[in-house]
PDB file of N, CA and C in Angstrom:
ATOM      1  N   MET A   1     -43.630 -10.996 -92.088  1.00  0.00           N
ATOM      2  CA  MET A   1     -42.960 -10.148 -90.942  1.00  0.00           C
ATOM      3  C   MET A   1     -42.270 -11.321 -90.071  1.00  0.00           C
ATOM      4  N   VAL A   2     -42.802 -12.652 -89.839  1.00  0.00           N
ATOM      5  CA  VAL A   2     -42.601 -13.449 -89.005  1.00  0.00           C
ATOM      6  C   VAL A   2     -41.024 -13.931 -89.466  1.00  0.00           C
ATOM      7  N   ALA A   3     -40.994 -14.329 -91.072  1.00  0.00           N
ATOM      8  CA  ALA A   3     -39.869 -14.503 -91.695  1.00  0.00           C
ATOM      9  C   ALA A   3     -38.798 -13.797 -91.418  1.00  0.00           C
ATOM     10  N   LEU A   4     -39.162 -12.407 -91.626  1.00  0.00           N
ATOM     11  CA  LEU A   4     -38.048 -11.528 -91.389  1.00  0.00           C
ATOM     12  C   LEU A   4     -37.210 -11.291 -89.966  1.00  0.00           C
ATOM     13  N   VAL A   5     -38.358 -11.492 -88.950  1.00  0.00           N
ATOM     14  CA  VAL A   5     -37.718 -11.844 -87.662  1.00  0.00           C
ATOM     15  C   VAL A   5     -36.999 -12.770 -87.552  1.00  0.00           C
ATOM     16  N   LEU A   6     -37.381 -13.905 -87.990  1.00  0.00           N
ATOM     17  CA  LEU A   6     -36.324 -15.261 -87.731  1.00  0.00           C
ATOM     18  C   LEU A   6     -35.224 -14.916 -88.470  1.00  0.00           C
ATOM     19  N   SER A   7     -35.142 -14.446 -89.736  1.00  0.00           N
ATOM     20  CA  SER A   7     -34.054 -14.339 -90.480  1.00  0.00           C
ATOM     21  C   SER A   7     -33.016 -13.289 -89.778  1.00  0.00           C
ATOM     22  N   MET A   8     -33.525 -12.147 -89.249  1.00  0.00           N
ATOM     23  CA  MET A   8     -32.712 -11.567 -88.460  1.00  0.00           C
ATOM     24  C   MET A   8     -31.932 -11.975 -87.075  1.00  0.00           C
ATOM     25  N   ALA A   9     -32.824 -12.878 -86.393  1.00  0.00           N
ATOM     26  CA  ALA A   9     -32.499 -13.700 -85.409  1.00  0.00           C
ATOM     27  C   ALA A   9     -31.153 -14.767 -85.793  1.00  0.00           C
ATOM     28  N   THR A  10     -31.273 -15.365 -86.934  1.00  0.00           N
ATOM     29  CA  THR A  10     -30.354 -16.232 -87.512  1.00  0.00           C
ATOM     30  C   THR A  10     -29.467 -15.550 -87.932  1.00  0.00           C
ATOM     31  N   VAL A  11     -29.361 -14.209 -88.404  1.00  0.00           N
ATOM     32  CA  VAL A  11     -28.128 -13.590 -88.629  1.00  0.00           C
ATOM     33  C   VAL A  11     -27.300 -13.372 -87.405  1.00  0.00           C
ATOM     34  N   VAL A  12     -27.980 -12.781 -86.595  1.00  0.00           N
ATOM     35  CA  VAL A  12     -27.266 -12.357 -85.384  1.00  0.00           C
ATOM     36  C   VAL A  12     -26.692 -13.513 -84.645  1.00  0.00           C
ATOM     37  N   GLY A  13     -27.247 -14.743 -84.539  1.00  0.00           N
ATOM     38  CA  GLY A  13     -26.706 -15.774 -84.188  1.00  0.00           C
ATOM     39  C   GLY A  13     -25.543 -16.359 -84.707  1.00  0.00           C
ATOM     40  N   VAL A  14     -25.628 -16.217 -85.965  1.00  0.00           N
ATOM     41  CA  VAL A  14     -24.404 -16.749 -86.831  1.00  0.00           C
ATOM     42  C   VAL A  14     -23.251 -15.884 -86.553  1.00  0.00           C
ATOM     43  N   ILE A  15     -23.788 -14.533 -86.466  1.00  0.00           N
ATOM     44  CA  ILE A  15     -22.393 -13.512 -86.111  1.00  0.00           C
ATOM     45  C   ILE A  15     -21.807 -13.790 -84.970  1.00  0.00           C
ATOM     46  N   TRP A  16     -22.731 -13.922 -83.775  1.00  0.00           N
ATOM     47  CA  TRP A  16     -22.143 -14.251 -82.443  1.00  0.00           C
ATOM     48  C   TRP A  16     -21.618 -15.445 -82.519  1.00  0.00           C
ATOM     49  N   LEU A  17     -21.813 -16.485 -83.156  1.00  0.00           N
ATOM     50  CA  LEU A  17     -21.341 -17.773 -83.239  1.00  0.00           C
ATOM     51  C   LEU A  17     -19.848 -17.686 -83.678  1.00  0.00           C
ATOM     52  N   ILE A  18     -19.337 -16.960 -84.923  1.00  0.00           N
ATOM     53  CA  ILE A  18     -18.641 -16.752 -85.817  1.00  0.00           C
ATOM     54  C   ILE A  18     -17.533 -15.898 -84.744  1.00  0.00           C
ATOM     55  N   ARG A  19     -18.092 -14.828 -83.954  1.00  0.00           N
ATOM     56  CA  ARG A  19     -17.303 -13.878 -83.068  1.00  0.00           C
ATOM     57  C   ARG A  19     -16.814 -14.843 -81.949  1.00  0.00           C
ATOM     58  N   LEU A  20     -17.265 -15.715 -81.648  1.00  0.00           N
ATOM     59  CA  LEU A  20     -16.963 -16.571 -80.418  1.00  0.00           C
ATOM     60  C   LEU A  20     -15.866 -17.423 -80.912  1.00  0.00           C
ATOM     61  N   LEU A  21     -15.976 -18.018 -81.901  1.00  0.00           N
ATOM     62  CA  LEU A  21     -14.936 -18.999 -82.428  1.00  0.00           C
ATOM     63  C   LEU A  21     -13.716 -18.259 -82.826  1.00  0.00           C
ATOM     64  N   ILE A  22     -13.740 -16.930 -83.228  1.00  0.00           N
ATOM     65  CA  ILE A  22     -12.781 -16.092 -83.674  1.00  0.00           C
ATOM     66  C   ILE A  22     -11.802 -15.563 -82.239  1.00  0.00           C
ATOM     67  N   VAL A  23     -12.714 -15.380 -81.077  1.00  0.00           N
ATOM     68  CA  VAL A  23     -12.037 -14.766 -79.894  1.00  0.00           C
ATOM     69  C   VAL A  23     -11.468 -16.123 -79.214  1.00  0.00           C
ATOM     70  N   MET A  24     -11.795 -17.321 -79.352  1.00  0.00           N
ATOM     71  CA  MET A  24     -11.452 -18.312 -78.569  1.00  0.00           C
ATOM     72  C   MET A  24      -9.860 -18.456 -78.525  1.00  0.00           C
ATOM     73  N   PRO A  25      -9.170 -18.378 -79.817  1.00  0.00           N
ATOM     74  CA  PRO A  25      -7.661 -18.483 -79.710  1.00  0.00           C
ATOM     75  C   PRO A  25      -7.034 -17.547 -78.858  1.00  0.00           C
ATOM     76  N   LYS A  26      -7.663 -16.352 -78.680  1.00  0.00           N
ATOM     77  CA  LYS A  26      -7.075 -15.221 -78.221  1.00  0.00           C
ATOM     78  C   LYS A  26      -7.266 -15.194 -76.612  1.00  0.00           C
ATOM     79  N   ARG A  27      -8.007 -16.115 -76.191  1.00  0.00           N
ATOM     80  CA  ARG A  27      -8.355 -16.137 -74.705  1.00  0.00           C
ATOM     81  C   ARG A  27      -8.107 -17.494 -74.101  1.00  0.00           C
ATOM     82  N   PRO A  28      -6.771 -17.823 -74.023  1.00  0.00           N
ATOM     83  CA  PRO A  28      -6.348 -19.263 -73.637  1.00  0.00           C
ATOM     84  C   PRO A  28      -6.523 -19.480 -72.303  1.00  0.00           C
ATOM     85  N   VAL A  29      -6.245 -20.717 -71.912  1.00  0.00           N
ATOM     86  CA  VAL A  29      -6.096 -20.978 -70.478  1.00  0.00           C
ATOM     87  C   VAL A  29      -4.855 -20.505 -69.854  1.00  0.00           C
ATOM     88  N   LEU A  30      -4.800 -19.609 -68.532  1.00  0.00           N
ATOM     89  CA  LEU A  30      -3.753 -19.067 -68.200  1.00  0.00           C
ATOM     90  C   LEU A  30      -3.472 -19.802 -66.773  1.00  0.00           C
ATOM     91  N   LEU A  31      -2.261 -19.894 -66.526  1.00  0.00           N
ATOM     92  CA  LEU A  31      -1.648 -20.499 -65.187  1.00  0.00           C
ATOM     93  C   LEU A  31      -0.385 -19.906 -64.598  1.00  0.00           C
ATOM     94  N   ASP A  32      -0.581 -19.264 -63.489  1.00  0.00           N
ATOM     95  CA  ASP A  32       0.625 -18.860 -63.064  1.00  0.00           C
ATOM     96  C   ASP A  32       0.763 -19.274 -61.432  1.00  0.00           C
ATOM     97  N   ARG A  33       1.524 -18.535 -60.410  1.00  0.00           N
ATOM     98  CA  ARG A  33       1.758 -19.211 -59.230  1.00  0.00           C
ATOM     99  C   ARG A  33       0.585 -19.036 -58.410  1.00  0.00           C
ATOM    100  N   ARG A  34      -0.254 -18.138 -58.602  1.00  0.00           N
ATOM    101  CA  ARG A  34      -1.593 -17.761 -57.961  1.00  0.00           C
ATOM    102  C   ARG A  34      -2.867 -17.946 -58.438  1.00  0.00           C
ATOM    103  N   HIS A  35      -2.863 -17.936 -59.735  1.00  0.00           N
ATOM    104  CA  HIS A  35      -4.082 -18.139 -60.343  1.00  0.00           C
ATOM    105  C   HIS A  35      -4.285 -19.088 -61.427  1.00  0.00           C
ATOM    106  N   LEU A  36      -5.351 -19.742 -61.685  1.00  0.00           N
ATOM    107  CA  LEU A  36      -5.652 -20.612 -62.878  1.00  0.00           C
ATOM    108  C   LEU A  36      -6.782 -19.871 -63.334  1.00  0.00           C
ATOM    109  N   VAL A  37      -6.739 -19.576 -64.792  1.00  0.00           N
ATOM    110  CA  VAL A  37      -7.928 -18.991 -65.467  1.00  0.00           C
ATOM    111  C   VAL A  37      -8.428 -19.944 -66.530  1.00  0.00           C
ATOM    112  N   MET A  38      -9.597 -20.326 -66.621  1.00  0.00           N
ATOM    113  CA  MET A  38      -9.890 -21.277 -67.695  1.00  0.00           C
ATOM    114  C   MET A  38     -10.869 -20.497 -68.381  1.00  0.00           C
ATOM    115  N   ARG A  39     -10.921 -20.292 -69.593  1.00  0.00           N
ATOM    116  CA  ARG A  39     -11.831 -19.541 -70.291  1.00  0.00           C
ATOM    117  C   ARG A  39     -12.233 -20.389 -71.718  1.00  0.00           C
ATOM    118  N   VAL A  40     -13.565 -20.064 -71.963  1.00  0.00           N
ATOM    119  CA  VAL A  40     -14.057 -20.474 -73.337  1.00  0.00           C
ATOM    120  C   VAL A  40     -14.599 -19.173 -74.224  1.00  0.00           C
ATOM    121  N   GLY A  41     -13.558 -18.596 -74.714  1.00  0.00           N
ATOM    122  CA  GLY A  41     -13.826 -17.415 -75.290  1.00  0.00           C
ATOM    123  C   GLY A  41     -14.331 -16.360 -74.491  1.00  0.00           C
ATOM    124  N   THR A  42     -15.414 -15.699 -74.873  1.00  0.00           N
ATOM    125  CA  THR A  42     -15.922 -14.602 -74.180  1.00  0.00           C
ATOM    126  C   THR A  42     -17.236 -15.269 -73.288  1.00  0.00           C
ATOM    127  N   LEU A  43     -17.701 -16.557 -73.566  1.00  0.00           N
ATOM    128  CA  LEU A  43     -18.779 -17.426 -73.239  1.00  0.00           C
ATOM    129  C   LEU A  43     -18.653 -17.485 -71.594  1.00  0.00           C
ATOM    130  N   ARG A  44     -17.500 -18.415 -71.240  1.00  0.00           N
ATOM    131  CA  ARG A  44     -17.427 -18.518 -69.885  1.00  0.00           C
ATOM    132  C   ARG A  44     -16.035 -18.340 -69.300  1.00  0.00           C
ATOM    133  N   HIS A  45     -15.982 -18.094 -68.063  1.00  0.00           N
ATOM    134  CA  HIS A  45     -14.766 -17.640 -67.548  1.00  0.00           C
ATOM    135  C   HIS A  45     -14.815 -18.200 -65.953  1.00  0.00           C
ATOM    136  N   VAL A  46     -13.709 -18.866 -65.602  1.00  0.00           N
ATOM    137  CA  VAL A  46     -13.344 -19.292 -64.288  1.00  0.00           C
ATOM    138  C   VAL A  46     -12.019 -18.980 -63.875  1.00  0.00           C
ATOM    139  N   ASP A  47     -11.868 -18.370 -62.673  1.00  0.00           N
ATOM    140  CA  ASP A  47     -10.648 -18.006 -62.123  1.00  0.00           C
ATOM    141  C   ASP A  47     -10.608 -18.513 -60.623  1.00  0.00           C
ATOM    142  N   LEU A  48      -9.471 -19.476 -60.593  1.00  0.00           N
ATOM    143  CA  LEU A  48      -9.263 -20.015 -59.161  1.00  0.00           C
ATOM    144  C   LEU A  48      -8.014 -19.722 -58.956  1.00  0.00           C
ATOM    145  N   PRO A  49      -7.732 -19.633 -57.356  1.00  0.00           N
ATOM    146  CA  PRO A  49      -6.744 -19.476 -56.744  1.00  0.00           C
ATOM    147  C   PRO A  49      -6.096 -21.106 -56.819  1.00  0.00           C
ATOM    148  N   THR A  50      -4.708 -21.041 -57.209  1.00  0.00           N
ATOM    149  CA  THR A  50      -3.952 -22.325 -57.448  1.00  0.00           C
ATOM    150  C   THR A  50      -3.902 -23.165 -55.979  1.00  0.00           C
ATOM    151  N   GLU A  51      -4.154 -22.501 -54.804  1.00  0.00           N
ATOM    152  CA  GLU A  51      -4.238 -23.312 -53.694  1.00  0.00           C
ATOM    153  C   GLU A  51      -5.536 -24.177 -53.342  1.00  0.00           C
ATOM    154  N   SER A  52      -6.431 -23.700 -54.355  1.00  0.00           N
ATOM    155  CA  SER A  52      -8.114 -24.539 -54.050  1.00  0.00           C
ATOM    156  C   SER A  52      -8.060 -25.516 -55.177  1.00  0.00           C
ATOM    157  N   ILE A  53      -6.842 -25.878 -55.761  1.00  0.00           N
ATOM    158  CA  ILE A  53      -6.921 -26.998 -56.762  1.00  0.00           C
ATOM    159  C   ILE A  53      -6.096 -28.168 -56.057  1.00  0.00           C
ATOM    160  N   ALA A  54      -6.488 -29.345 -56.235  1.00  0.00           N
ATOM    161  CA  ALA A  54      -6.188 -30.481 -55.400  1.00  0.00           C
ATOM    162  C   ALA A  54      -5.244 -31.093 -56.649  1.00  0.00           C
ATOM    163  N   ARG A  55      -5.296 -31.302 -58.021  1.00  0.00           N
ATOM    164  CA  ARG A  55      -4.577 -31.669 -58.915  1.00  0.00           C
ATOM    165  C   ARG A  55      -5.170 -31.658 -60.219  1.00  0.00           C
ATOM    166  N   GLY A  56      -4.322 -31.631 -61.276  1.00  0.00           N
ATOM    167  CA  GLY A  56      -4.674 -31.578 -62.677  1.00  0.00           C
ATOM    168  C   GLY A  56      -4.270 -32.818 -63.298  1.00  0.00           C
ATOM    169  N   HIS A  57      -5.274 -33.388 -64.300  1.00  0.00           N
ATOM    170  CA  HIS A  57      -4.917 -34.703 -65.027  1.00  0.00           C
ATOM    171  C   HIS A  57      -5.665 -34.749 -66.342  1.00  0.00           C
ATOM    172  N   MET A  58      -5.332 -35.775 -66.996  1.00  0.00           N
ATOM    173  CA  MET A  58      -5.885 -36.055 -68.202  1.00  0.00           C
ATOM    174  C   MET A  58      -6.639 -37.115 -68.445  1.00  0.00           C
ATOM    175  N   GLU A  59      -6.645 -37.891 -67.300  1.00  0.00           N
ATOM    176  CA  GLU A  59      -7.720 -38.710 -67.390  1.00  0.00           C
ATOM    177  C   GLU A  59      -9.318 -38.399 -67.318  1.00  0.00           C
ATOM    178  N   VAL A  60      -9.998 -38.680 -68.371  1.00  0.00           N
ATOM    179  CA  VAL A  60     -11.393 -38.041 -68.510  1.00  0.00           C
ATOM    180  C   VAL A  60     -12.293 -39.118 -69.012  1.00  0.00           C
ATOM    181  N   PRO A  61     -12.708 -40.238 -68.008  1.00  0.00           N
ATOM    182  CA  PRO A  61     -13.647 -41.237 -68.543  1.00  0.00           C
ATOM    183  C   PRO A  61     -15.021 -40.467 -68.664  1.00  0.00           C
ATOM    184  N   ILE A  62     -15.857 -40.931 -69.475  1.00  0.00           N
ATOM    185  CA  ILE A  62     -17.119 -40.677 -69.612  1.00  0.00           C
ATOM    186  C   ILE A  62     -17.836 -40.480 -68.383  1.00  0.00           C
ATOM    187  N   ARG A  63     -17.763 -41.255 -67.281  1.00  0.00           N
ATOM    188  CA  ARG A  63     -18.544 -41.179 -66.244  1.00  0.00           C
ATOM    189  C   ARG A  63     -18.094 -39.910 -65.497  1.00  0.00           C
ATOM    190  N   ILE A  64     -16.720 -39.256 -65.510  1.00  0.00           N
ATOM    191  CA  ILE A  64     -16.480 -38.078 -65.210  1.00  0.00           C
ATOM    192  C   ILE A  64     -16.915 -36.940 -65.792  1.00  0.00           C
ATOM    193  N   TRP A  65     -16.989 -37.002 -67.152  1.00  0.00           N
ATOM    194  CA  TRP A  65     -17.498 -36.036 -68.007  1.00  0.00           C
ATOM    195  C   TRP A  65     -18.703 -35.660 -68.087  1.00  0.00           C
ATOM    196  N   ARG A  66     -19.609 -36.523 -67.575  1.00  0.00           N
ATOM    197  CA  ARG A  66     -21.147 -36.481 -67.538  1.00  0.00           C
ATOM    198  C   ARG A  66     -21.455 -36.246 -65.974  1.00  0.00           C
ATOM    199  N   ASP A  67     -20.595 -36.310 -65.019  1.00  0.00           N
ATOM    200  CA  ASP A  67     -20.975 -36.086 -63.609  1.00  0.00           C
ATOM    201  C   ASP A  67     -21.420 -34.698 -63.389  1.00  0.00           C
ATOM    202  N   LYS A  68     -22.361 -34.290 -62.553  1.00  0.00           N
ATOM    203  CA  LYS A  68     -23.058 -33.290 -62.478  1.00  0.00           C
ATOM    204  C   LYS A  68     -22.106 -32.230 -61.611  1.00  0.00           C
ATOM    205  N   ALA A  69     -21.204 -32.720 -60.902  1.00  0.00           N
ATOM    206  CA  ALA A  69     -20.265 -32.110 -59.992  1.00  0.00           C
ATOM    207  C   ALA A  69     -19.047 -31.617 -60.808  1.00  0.00           C
ATOM    208  N   VAL A  70     -18.966 -31.841 -61.958  1.00  0.00           N
ATOM    209  CA  VAL A  70     -18.115 -31.393 -63.148  1.00  0.00           C
ATOM    210  C   VAL A  70     -18.368 -30.128 -64.008  1.00  0.00           C
ATOM    211  N   LEU A  71     -17.800 -29.318 -63.946  1.00  0.00           N
ATOM    212  CA  LEU A  71     -18.127 -28.327 -64.753  1.00  0.00           C
ATOM    213  C   LEU A  71     -17.420 -28.458 -66.190  1.00  0.00           C
ATOM    214  N   ASP A  72     -18.290 -28.464 -67.168  1.00  0.00           N
ATOM    215  CA  ASP A  72     -17.564 -29.044 -68.484  1.00  0.00           C
ATOM    216  C   ASP A  72     -17.442 -27.491 -69.337  1.00  0.00           C
ATOM    217  N   LEU A  73     -16.221 -27.087 -69.557  1.00  0.00           N
ATOM    218  CA  LEU A  73     -15.836 -25.936 -70.243  1.00  0.00           C
ATOM    219  C   LEU A  73     -15.624 -26.382 -71.569  1.00  0.00           C
ATOM    220  N   ALA A  74     -15.637 -27.814 -72.010  1.00  0.00           N
ATOM    221  CA  ALA A  74     -15.422 -28.174 -73.471  1.00  0.00           C
ATOM    222  C   ALA A  74     -16.373 -28.047 -74.394  1.00  0.00           C
ATOM    223  N   LEU A  75     -17.415 -27.442 -74.153  1.00  0.00           N
ATOM    224  CA  LEU A  75     -18.563 -27.003 -75.088  1.00  0.00           C
ATOM    225  C   LEU A  75     -19.003 -28.473 -75.702  1.00  0.00           C
ATOM    226  N   LEU A  76     -18.818 -28.512 -77.028  1.00  0.00           N
ATOM    227  CA  LEU A  76     -19.401 -29.763 -77.776  1.00  0.00           C
ATOM    228  C   LEU A  76     -18.383 -30.918 -78.066  1.00  0.00           C
ATOM    229  N   THR A  77     -17.028 -30.628 -77.667  1.00  0.00           N
ATOM    230  CA  THR A  77     -16.323 -31.618 -77.564  1.00  0.00           C
ATOM    231  C   THR A  77     -15.946 -32.391 -76.195  1.00  0.00           C
ATOM    232  N   HIS A  78     -15.295 -33.588 -76.544  1.00  0.00           N
ATOM    233  CA  HIS A  78     -14.998 -34.430 -75.439  1.00  0.00           C
ATOM    234  C   HIS A  78     -13.683 -33.644 -74.598  1.00  0.00           C
ATOM    235  N   PRO A  79     -13.953 -33.136 -73.241  1.00  0.00           N
ATOM    236  CA  PRO A  79     -12.683 -32.753 -72.552  1.00  0.00           C
ATOM    237  C   PRO A  79     -11.407 -33.655 -72.546  1.00  0.00           C
ATOM    238  N   ASN A  80     -10.111 -33.225 -72.388  1.00  0.00           N
ATOM    239  CA  ASN A  80      -9.063 -33.866 -72.430  1.00  0.00           C
ATOM    240  C   ASN A  80      -8.198 -33.497 -71.235  1.00  0.00           C
ATOM    241  N   GLY A  81      -8.919 -32.726 -70.366  1.00  0.00           N
ATOM    242  CA  GLY A  81      -8.185 -32.327 -68.960  1.00  0.00           C
ATOM    243  C   GLY A  81      -9.177 -32.015 -67.758  1.00  0.00           C
ATOM    244  N   VAL A  82      -8.634 -32.328 -66.697  1.00  0.00           N
ATOM    245  CA  VAL A  82      -9.541 -32.148 -65.736  1.00  0.00           C
ATOM    246  C   VAL A  82      -8.864 -31.682 -64.258  1.00  0.00           C
ATOM    247  N   VAL A  83      -9.461 -30.712 -63.735  1.00  0.00           N
ATOM    248  CA  VAL A  83      -8.921 -29.806 -62.654  1.00  0.00           C
ATOM    249  C   VAL A  83      -9.993 -30.377 -61.451  1.00  0.00           C
ATOM    250  N   ASP A  84      -9.262 -31.057 -60.456  1.00  0.00           N
ATOM    251  CA  ASP A  84      -9.786 -31.435 -59.285  1.00  0.00           C
ATOM    252  C   ASP A  84      -9.550 -30.372 -58.226  1.00  0.00           C
ATOM    253  N   LEU A  85     -10.789 -30.098 -57.743  1.00  0.00           N
ATOM    254  CA  LEU A  85     -10.740 -29.017 -56.697  1.00  0.00           C
ATOM    255  C   LEU A  85     -10.678 -29.549 -55.343  1.00  0.00           C
ATOM    256  N   ILE A  86     -10.024 -28.777 -54.365  1.00  0.00           N
ATOM    257  CA  ILE A  86      -9.923 -29.210 -53.003  1.00  0.00           C
ATOM    258  C   ILE A  86     -11.496 -29.121 -52.245  1.00  0.00           C
ATOM    259  N   GLY A  87     -12.083 -28.060 -52.629  1.00  0.00           N
ATOM    260  CA  GLY A  87     -13.305 -27.960 -52.040  1.00  0.00           C
ATOM    261  C   GLY A  87     -14.366 -27.226 -53.348  1.00  0.00           C
ATOM    262  N   PRO A  88     -15.509 -27.099 -52.940  1.00  0.00           N
ATOM    263  CA  PRO A  88     -16.339 -26.851 -54.215  1.00  0.00           C
ATOM    264  C   PRO A  88     -16.075 -25.393 -54.743  1.00  0.00           C
ATOM    265  N   LEU A  89     -16.474 -25.265 -56.059  1.00  0.00           N
ATOM    266  CA  LEU A  89     -16.111 -23.901 -56.784  1.00  0.00           C
ATOM    267  C   LEU A  89     -16.966 -22.944 -55.915  1.00  0.00           C
ATOM    268  N   PRO A  90     -16.317 -21.676 -55.581  1.00  0.00           N
ATOM    269  CA  PRO A  90     -17.092 -20.508 -54.968  1.00  0.00           C
ATOM    270  C   PRO A  90     -18.061 -20.188 -55.857  1.00  0.00           C
ATOM    271  N   GLY A  91     -19.343 -20.069 -55.159  1.00  0.00           N
ATOM    272  CA  GLY A  91     -20.561 -19.776 -56.021  1.00  0.00           C
ATOM    273  C   GLY A  91     -21.228 -20.865 -56.622  1.00  0.00           C
ATOM    274  N   ARG A  92     -20.620 -21.853 -56.602  1.00  0.00           N
ATOM    275  CA  ARG A  92     -21.293 -22.979 -57.402  1.00  0.00           C
ATOM    276  C   ARG A  92     -20.897 -24.099 -56.401  1.00  0.00           C
ATOM    277  N   PRO A  93     -21.528 -24.565 -55.492  1.00  0.00           N
ATOM    278  CA  PRO A  93     -21.196 -25.522 -54.283  1.00  0.00           C
ATOM    279  C   PRO A  93     -21.506 -27.009 -54.846  1.00  0.00           C
ATOM    280  N   ALA A  94     -22.039 -27.154 -55.802  1.00  0.00           N
ATOM    281  CA  ALA A  94     -22.197 -28.540 -56.288  1.00  0.00           C
ATOM    282  C   ALA A  94     -20.790 -28.686 -57.335  1.00  0.00           C
ATOM    283  N   ILE A  95     -20.044 -27.885 -57.565  1.00  0.00           N
ATOM    284  CA  ILE A  95     -19.008 -28.236 -58.537  1.00  0.00           C
ATOM    285  C   ILE A  95     -17.821 -28.530 -57.957  1.00  0.00           C
ATOM    286  N   ARG A  96     -17.316 -29.867 -58.321  1.00  0.00           N
ATOM    287  CA  ARG A  96     -15.989 -30.082 -57.610  1.00  0.00           C
ATOM    288  C   ARG A  96     -14.878 -30.511 -58.458  1.00  0.00           C
ATOM    289  N   ALA A  97     -14.965 -30.257 -59.820  1.00  0.00           N
ATOM    290  CA  ALA A  97     -13.976 -30.580 -60.660  1.00  0.00           C
ATOM    291  C   ALA A  97     -14.363 -29.381 -62.097  1.00  0.00           C
ATOM    292  N   ILE A  98     -13.303 -29.238 -62.658  1.00  0.00           N
ATOM    293  CA  ILE A  98     -13.503 -28.641 -64.070  1.00  0.00           C
ATOM    294  C   ILE A  98     -12.771 -29.213 -65.008  1.00  0.00           C
ATOM    295  N   ALA A  99     -13.621 -29.753 -66.149  1.00  0.00           N
ATOM    296  CA  ALA A  99     -13.256 -30.415 -67.411  1.00  0.00           C
ATOM    297  C   ALA A  99     -12.954 -29.455 -68.491  1.00  0.00           C
ATOM    298  N   HIS A 100     -12.000 -29.417 -69.196  1.00  0.00           N
ATOM    299  CA  HIS A 100     -11.724 -28.463 -70.349  1.00  0.00           C
ATOM    300  C   HIS A 100     -11.094 -29.222 -71.526  1.00  0.00           C
ATOM    301  N   ARG A 101     -11.175 -28.809 -72.769  1.00  0.00           N
ATOM    302  CA  ARG A 101     -10.382 -29.043 -73.823  1.00  0.00           C
ATOM    303  C   ARG A 101      -9.385 -28.227 -74.161  1.00  0.00           C
ATOM    304  N   LEU A 102      -8.007 -28.980 -73.769  1.00  0.00           N
ATOM    305  CA  LEU A 102      -6.929 -28.109 -73.812  1.00  0.00           C
ATOM    306  C   LEU A 102      -6.207 -28.307 -75.001  1.00  0.00           C
ATOM    307  N   ASP A 103      -5.302 -27.499 -75.658  1.00  0.00           N
ATOM    308  CA  ASP A 103      -4.743 -27.764 -76.834  1.00  0.00           C
ATOM    309  C   ASP A 103      -3.409 -28.602 -76.430  1.00  0.00           C
ATOM    310  N   ASP A 104      -2.858 -28.600 -75.327  1.00  0.00           N
ATOM    311  CA  ASP A 104      -1.848 -29.434 -75.198  1.00  0.00           C
ATOM    312  C   ASP A 104      -1.837 -29.953 -73.310  1.00  0.00           C
ATOM    313  N   PRO A 105      -2.813 -31.032 -73.171  1.00  0.00           N
ATOM    314  CA  PRO A 105      -2.957 -31.501 -71.936  1.00  0.00           C
ATOM    315  C   PRO A 105      -1.907 -31.931 -71.084  1.00  0.00           C
ATOM    316  N   SER A 106      -0.879 -32.566 -71.780  1.00  0.00           N
ATOM    317  CA  SER A 106       0.369 -32.930 -71.019  1.00  0.00           C
ATOM    318  C   SER A 106       1.195 -31.491 -70.508  1.00  0.00           C
ATOM    319  N   ALA A 107       1.430 -30.709 -71.475  1.00  0.00           N
ATOM    320  CA  ALA A 107       1.910 -29.492 -71.015  1.00  0.00           C
ATOM    321  C   ALA A 107       1.369 -28.781 -69.820  1.00  0.00           C
ATOM    322  N   PHE A 108      -0.043 -28.839 -70.077  1.00  0.00           N
ATOM    323  CA  PHE A 108      -0.812 -28.259 -68.780  1.00  0.00           C
ATOM    324  C   PHE A 108      -0.481 -28.775 -67.445  1.00  0.00           C
ATOM    325  N   VAL A 109      -0.662 -30.279 -67.544  1.00  0.00           N
ATOM    326  CA  VAL A 109      -0.159 -30.982 -66.293  1.00  0.00           C
ATOM    327  C   VAL A 109       1.364 -30.905 -65.833  1.00  0.00           C
ATOM    328  N   ARG A 110       2.155 -30.912 -66.806  1.00  0.00           N
ATOM    329  CA  ARG A 110       3.563 -30.610 -66.202  1.00  0.00           C
ATOM    330  C   ARG A 110       3.600 -29.392 -65.799  1.00  0.00           C
ATOM    331  N   ALA A 111       3.229 -28.211 -66.295  1.00  0.00           N
ATOM    332  CA  ALA A 111       3.431 -27.065 -65.860  1.00  0.00           C
ATOM    333  C   ALA A 111       2.902 -26.695 -64.249  1.00  0.00           C
ATOM    334  N   PHE A 112       1.249 -27.498 -64.343  1.00  0.00           N
ATOM    335  CA  PHE A 112       0.877 -27.514 -62.803  1.00  0.00           C
ATOM    336  C   PHE A 112       1.747 -28.286 -61.957  1.00  0.00           C
ATOM    337  N   ASP A 113       2.241 -29.080 -62.041  1.00  0.00           N
ATOM    338  CA  ASP A 113       3.078 -30.050 -61.326  1.00  0.00           C
ATOM    339  C   ASP A 113       4.389 -29.400 -61.027  1.00  0.00           C
ATOM    340  N   ALA A 114       4.853 -28.411 -61.978  1.00  0.00           N
ATOM    341  CA  ALA A 114       6.082 -27.692 -61.657  1.00  0.00           C
ATOM    342  C   ALA A 114       5.795 -26.546 -60.672  1.00  0.00           C
ATOM    343  N   LEU A 115       4.359 -26.051 -60.744  1.00  0.00           N
ATOM    344  CA  LEU A 115       4.056 -25.021 -59.581  1.00  0.00           C
ATOM    345  C   LEU A 115       3.860 -25.557 -58.271  1.00  0.00           C
ATOM    346  N   ARG A 116       3.521 -26.777 -58.291  1.00  0.00           N
ATOM    347  CA  ARG A 116       3.504 -27.547 -56.796  1.00  0.00           C
ATOM    348  C   ARG A 116       4.738 -27.863 -56.442  1.00  0.00           C
ATOM    349  N   THR A 117       5.911 -27.906 -57.067  1.00  0.00           N
ATOM    350  CA  THR A 117       7.400 -28.537 -56.359  1.00  0.00           C
ATOM    351  C   THR A 117       7.853 -27.254 -56.009  1.00  0.00           C
ATOM    352  N   PRO A 118       8.410 -27.222 -54.928  1.00  0.00           N
ATOM    353  CA  PRO A 118       9.186 -26.088 -54.341  1.00  0.00           C
ATOM    354  C   PRO A 118      10.347 -25.858 -55.045  1.00  0.00           C
ATOM    355  N   ALA A 119      10.520 -24.472 -55.162  1.00  0.00           N
ATOM    356  CA  ALA A 119      11.869 -23.602 -56.124  1.00  0.00           C
ATOM    357  C   ALA A 119      12.800 -23.741 -55.472  1.00  0.00           C
TER     358      ALA A 119
END
């Protein structure tokens, strides 16, 4: 009976993991004039107004990555982009930055900088 319960839990866990991996490319990081939405599939979701962001950059030394004030959305990989916040993350006052694994971090930084320049 115990083996059956553990087997079922394993099957459910594997199905959940496969679903998470399939959904990730369909839920990308989104940036427009008003909001930045950083997602990790259906697992995590952070929606920020762009005026609460100080800057976006690609420098991610290990000390930043492991800092408790940085929300790591990269899961098991090393993040390649960081968004520094002007103030703490709403609802999470200890968080001052968000690290993420982006497909094209330089394009993200360019897009963010383009939003900051007056049109």
